[in-house]
Amino acid sequence: MGRRAKPQLITTAERSPEEELRSRERRYVVMMLLRGLCVIVAAVLVTAKVPLLWLWLSLLLAAAVVLPWSAVLLANDKGPRPEHRFRNKFKGRQEQSHPDPSHALTDREHAKPKVIDL
């Protein structure tokens, strides 16, 4: 068996396609259950004749219309690319604390990460 040229670090490994599909399916089902709940609550409110019925119905029906649209968009969308996942999150802090980039590096950052190849 040959070794890989560059071992995959556990922190930078991408999710498997099956795991990503499963999470998108779960998110879709939860959003559609929320839509069904909105319709059921709207029906209960109509029969109960609550005050400000027009406001509650308009909010619930708007949610019942927007949720399927957003559920389909999110179900068909993949997660962010790895290079955009944590983009510029700590960049501003590092530039403020260390204006000279040569002083910002520590000994740990110069050392290569240990990778356990199984």
C-alpha atoms as a PDB file:
ATOM      1  CA  MET A   1       0.000   0.000   0.000  1.00  0.00           C
ATOM      2  CA  GLY A   2       1.311   3.427  -0.864  1.00  0.00           C
ATOM      3  CA  ARG A   3       1.035   6.452   1.320  1.00  0.00           C
ATOM      4  CA  ARG A   4      -0.881   9.539   0.339  1.00  0.00           C
ATOM      5  CA  ALA A   5       1.172  12.514  -0.706  1.00  0.00           C
ATOM      6  CA  LYS A   6      -0.600  14.815   1.758  1.00  0.00           C
ATOM      7  CA  PRO A   7      -2.481  13.236   4.666  1.00  0.00           C
ATOM      8  CA  GLN A   8      -5.894  14.702   5.409  1.00  0.00           C
ATOM      9  CA  LEU A   9      -6.077  16.559   8.712  1.00  0.00           C
ATOM     10  CA  ILE A  10      -9.200  15.811  10.724  1.00  0.00           C
ATOM     11  CA  THR A  11      -9.893  19.531  11.158  1.00  0.00           C
ATOM     12  CA  THR A  12      -9.828  20.226   7.427  1.00  0.00           C
ATOM     13  CA  ALA A  13     -11.615  17.085   6.235  1.00  0.00           C
ATOM     14  CA  GLU A  14     -14.814  17.662   4.310  1.00  0.00           C
ATOM     15  CA  ARG A  15     -18.046  15.972   5.260  1.00  0.00           C
ATOM     16  CA  SER A  16     -18.956  12.889   3.290  1.00  0.00           C
ATOM     17  CA  PRO A  17     -21.636  13.323   0.601  1.00  0.00           C
ATOM     18  CA  GLU A  18     -23.959  10.956   2.483  1.00  0.00           C
ATOM     19  CA  GLU A  19     -23.599  12.955   5.707  1.00  0.00           C
ATOM     20  CA  GLU A  20     -24.186  16.236   3.885  1.00  0.00           C
ATOM     21  CA  LEU A  21     -27.278  14.862   2.114  1.00  0.00           C
ATOM     22  CA  ARG A  22     -28.651  13.514   5.392  1.00  0.00           C
ATOM     23  CA  SER A  23     -28.285  16.895   7.125  1.00  0.00           C
ATOM     24  CA  ARG A  24     -29.997  18.662   4.213  1.00  0.00           C
ATOM     25  CA  GLU A  25     -32.855  16.119   4.328  1.00  0.00           C
ATOM     26  CA  ARG A  26     -33.267  16.651   8.080  1.00  0.00           C
ATOM     27  CA  ARG A  27     -33.340  20.433   7.655  1.00  0.00           C
ATOM     28  CA  TYR A  28     -35.976  20.110   4.900  1.00  0.00           C
ATOM     29  CA  VAL A  29     -38.205  17.820   6.997  1.00  0.00           C
ATOM     30  CA  VAL A  30     -37.975  20.124  10.030  1.00  0.00           C
ATOM     31  CA  MET A  31     -38.925  23.159   7.950  1.00  0.00           C
ATOM     32  CA  MET A  32     -41.863  21.352   6.363  1.00  0.00           C
ATOM     33  CA  LEU A  33     -43.061  20.168   9.779  1.00  0.00           C
ATOM     34  CA  LEU A  34     -42.892  23.783  10.911  1.00  0.00           C
ATOM     35  CA  ARG A  35     -45.028  24.741   7.914  1.00  0.00           C
ATOM     36  CA  GLY A  36     -47.601  22.095   8.811  1.00  0.00           C
ATOM     37  CA  LEU A  37     -47.622  23.380  12.371  1.00  0.00           C
ATOM     38  CA  CYS A  38     -48.315  26.916  11.081  1.00  0.00           C
ATOM     39  CA  VAL A  39     -51.320  25.674   9.090  1.00  0.00           C
ATOM     40  CA  ILE A  40     -52.674  23.695  12.056  1.00  0.00           C
ATOM     41  CA  VAL A  41     -52.257  26.641  14.446  1.00  0.00           C
ATOM     42  CA  ALA A  42     -54.008  28.916  11.935  1.00  0.00           C
ATOM     43  CA  ALA A  43     -56.953  26.495  11.770  1.00  0.00           C
ATOM     44  CA  VAL A  44     -57.141  26.301  15.571  1.00  0.00           C
ATOM     45  CA  LEU A  45     -57.046  30.097  15.878  1.00  0.00           C
ATOM     46  CA  VAL A  46     -59.907  30.462  13.393  1.00  0.00           C
ATOM     47  CA  THR A  47     -62.088  28.085  15.383  1.00  0.00           C
ATOM     48  CA  ALA A  48     -61.113  29.700  18.717  1.00  0.00           C
ATOM     49  CA  LYS A  49     -61.853  33.244  17.444  1.00  0.00           C
ATOM     50  CA  VAL A  50     -58.915  34.898  19.203  1.00  0.00           C
ATOM     51  CA  PRO A  51     -58.393  38.671  19.322  1.00  0.00           C
ATOM     52  CA  LEU A  52     -56.325  40.133  16.469  1.00  0.00           C
ATOM     53  CA  LEU A  53     -57.165  37.108  14.353  1.00  0.00           C
ATOM     54  CA  TRP A  54     -56.265  38.910  11.123  1.00  0.00           C
ATOM     55  CA  LEU A  55     -52.730  39.593  12.400  1.00  0.00           C
ATOM     56  CA  TRP A  56     -52.102  36.025  13.558  1.00  0.00           C
ATOM     57  CA  LEU A  57     -53.528  34.546  10.366  1.00  0.00           C
ATOM     58  CA  SER A  58     -51.477  36.793   8.136  1.00  0.00           C
ATOM     59  CA  LEU A  59     -48.262  35.923  10.018  1.00  0.00           C
ATOM     60  CA  LEU A  60     -48.953  32.196  10.045  1.00  0.00           C
ATOM     61  CA  LEU A  61     -50.021  32.056   6.408  1.00  0.00           C
ATOM     62  CA  ALA A  62     -47.005  34.127   5.335  1.00  0.00           C
ATOM     63  CA  ALA A  63     -44.781  31.650   7.190  1.00  0.00           C
ATOM     64  CA  ALA A  64     -46.641  28.757   5.544  1.00  0.00           C
ATOM     65  CA  VAL A  65     -45.888  30.266   2.117  1.00  0.00           C
ATOM     66  CA  VAL A  66     -42.256  31.265   2.756  1.00  0.00           C
ATOM     67  CA  LEU A  67     -41.150  28.082   4.555  1.00  0.00           C
ATOM     68  CA  PRO A  68     -41.545  25.648   1.607  1.00  0.00           C
ATOM     69  CA  TRP A  69     -39.711  28.039  -0.701  1.00  0.00           C
ATOM     70  CA  SER A  70     -36.811  28.466   1.703  1.00  0.00           C
ATOM     71  CA  ALA A  71     -36.807  24.733   2.553  1.00  0.00           C
ATOM     72  CA  VAL A  72     -36.325  23.812  -1.107  1.00  0.00           C
ATOM     73  CA  LEU A  73     -33.593  26.414  -1.548  1.00  0.00           C
ATOM     74  CA  LEU A  74     -31.713  25.225   1.534  1.00  0.00           C
ATOM     75  CA  ALA A  75     -32.187  21.542   0.680  1.00  0.00           C
ATOM     76  CA  ASN A  76     -30.633  22.037  -2.756  1.00  0.00           C
ATOM     77  CA  ASP A  77     -27.799  24.223  -1.478  1.00  0.00           C
ATOM     78  CA  LYS A  78     -24.499  22.760  -0.390  1.00  0.00           C
ATOM     79  CA  GLY A  79     -22.537  24.069   2.563  1.00  0.00           C
ATOM     80  CA  PRO A  80     -19.914  26.776   2.197  1.00  0.00           C
ATOM     81  CA  ARG A  81     -16.633  25.918   0.538  1.00  0.00           C
ATOM     82  CA  PRO A  82     -13.839  25.196   2.994  1.00  0.00           C
ATOM     83  CA  GLU A  83     -11.912  28.322   2.023  1.00  0.00           C
ATOM     84  CA  HIS A  84     -14.954  30.498   2.791  1.00  0.00           C
ATOM     85  CA  ARG A  85     -16.048  28.730   5.982  1.00  0.00           C
ATOM     86  CA  PHE A  86     -14.096  30.883   8.465  1.00  0.00           C
ATOM     87  CA  ARG A  87     -13.165  33.737   6.163  1.00  0.00           C
ATOM     88  CA  ASN A  88     -11.623  36.745   7.914  1.00  0.00           C
ATOM     89  CA  LYS A  89     -13.066  35.801  11.284  1.00  0.00           C
ATOM     90  CA  PHE A  90      -9.936  36.639  13.260  1.00  0.00           C
ATOM     91  CA  LYS A  91      -8.101  38.687  10.669  1.00  0.00           C
ATOM     92  CA  GLY A  92      -8.984  42.067  12.185  1.00  0.00           C
ATOM     93  CA  ARG A  93      -7.841  41.108  15.688  1.00  0.00           C
ATOM     94  CA  GLN A  94      -4.515  39.743  14.516  1.00  0.00           C
ATOM     95  CA  GLU A  95      -3.742  42.840  12.462  1.00  0.00           C
ATOM     96  CA  GLN A  96      -4.549  45.122  15.377  1.00  0.00           C
ATOM     97  CA  SER A  97      -2.407  43.258  17.908  1.00  0.00           C
ATOM     98  CA  HIS A  98       0.568  42.626  15.591  1.00  0.00           C
ATOM     99  CA  PRO A  99       1.134  45.302  12.954  1.00  0.00           C
ATOM    100  CA  ASP A 100       4.403  43.617  11.877  1.00  0.00           C
ATOM    101  CA  PRO A 101       3.560  40.147  10.471  1.00  0.00           C
ATOM    102  CA  SER A 102       7.022  38.747  11.271  1.00  0.00           C
ATOM    103  CA  HIS A 103       6.364  39.214  15.007  1.00  0.00           C
ATOM    104  CA  ALA A 104       2.872  37.698  14.857  1.00  0.00           C
ATOM    105  CA  LEU A 105       4.161  34.143  14.314  1.00  0.00           C
ATOM    106  CA  THR A 106       4.979  31.976  17.285  1.00  0.00           C
ATOM    107  CA  ASP A 107       7.080  28.830  17.493  1.00  0.00           C
ATOM    108  CA  ARG A 108       3.956  26.704  17.380  1.00  0.00           C
ATOM    109  CA  GLU A 109       2.877  28.216  14.083  1.00  0.00           C
ATOM    110  CA  HIS A 110       6.286  27.419  12.538  1.00  0.00           C
ATOM    111  CA  ALA A 111       6.106  23.756  13.578  1.00  0.00           C
ATOM    112  CA  LYS A 112       4.417  21.304  11.262  1.00  0.00           C
ATOM    113  CA  PRO A 113       1.185  19.792  12.654  1.00  0.00           C
ATOM    114  CA  LYS A 114       1.382  16.188  13.747  1.00  0.00           C
ATOM    115  CA  VAL A 115      -0.696  13.939  11.561  1.00  0.00           C
ATOM    116  CA  ILE A 116      -1.519  10.394  12.512  1.00  0.00           C
ATOM    117  CA  ASP A 117      -1.836   8.350   9.371  1.00  0.00           C
ATOM    118  CA  LEU A 118      -3.926   5.255   9.960  1.00  0.00           C
END
